[in-house]
């Protein structure tokens, strides 16, 4: 990788004494310059860390795509014919899909954020309205994720109940055929 965050995670501040007063304009400029360099270094470290995570995520996505293609080929080769294990896999797939969509939405939101370092021509009410909309979107996304998890749990319960029903019907059919055979 091209950039690596510093190993210790700490930052060194260099203080150079001036011949003039601590409260001079030169001292203030120097302090603000050092502060800005420190902020830029932290931003660079965060970006490098994010890039490393994105590279790992890209590989993970590619692996999931290959697994997805393999499952599709397997299902097409079987020509239908479902089983109870596929129901649990379907629920896990739904939960994974929900999480992936949440991550994709978060990444999209980061990339569409206006650059805070650039000068913005938006008025304060517009910025507040935008912030409110983003917050509302975050809350709604959280609610949808919670509901998706609840749906996944209900689908798991449904699968388990259907499996129990199948077992009971099979047991009942077996018992019924035994009774007919005895008579």
Foldseek 3Di string as FASTA:
>chain_A
DPDAQDPVPDDDQDDDDDPDDCPDPVVVVVVVVSVVVVVVSVVVNVVVVVVVVVVVVVVVVVVVVVVVVVVVVVCVVVVHDDDLVVLLVVLVVLLVVLVVVVVVVVVVCVVPDDDPVDDDPDDPVVVVVVVVVVVVVVVVSVVVNVVSVVVSVVSVVVSVVVVVVVVVVVVVVVVVVVVVVVD
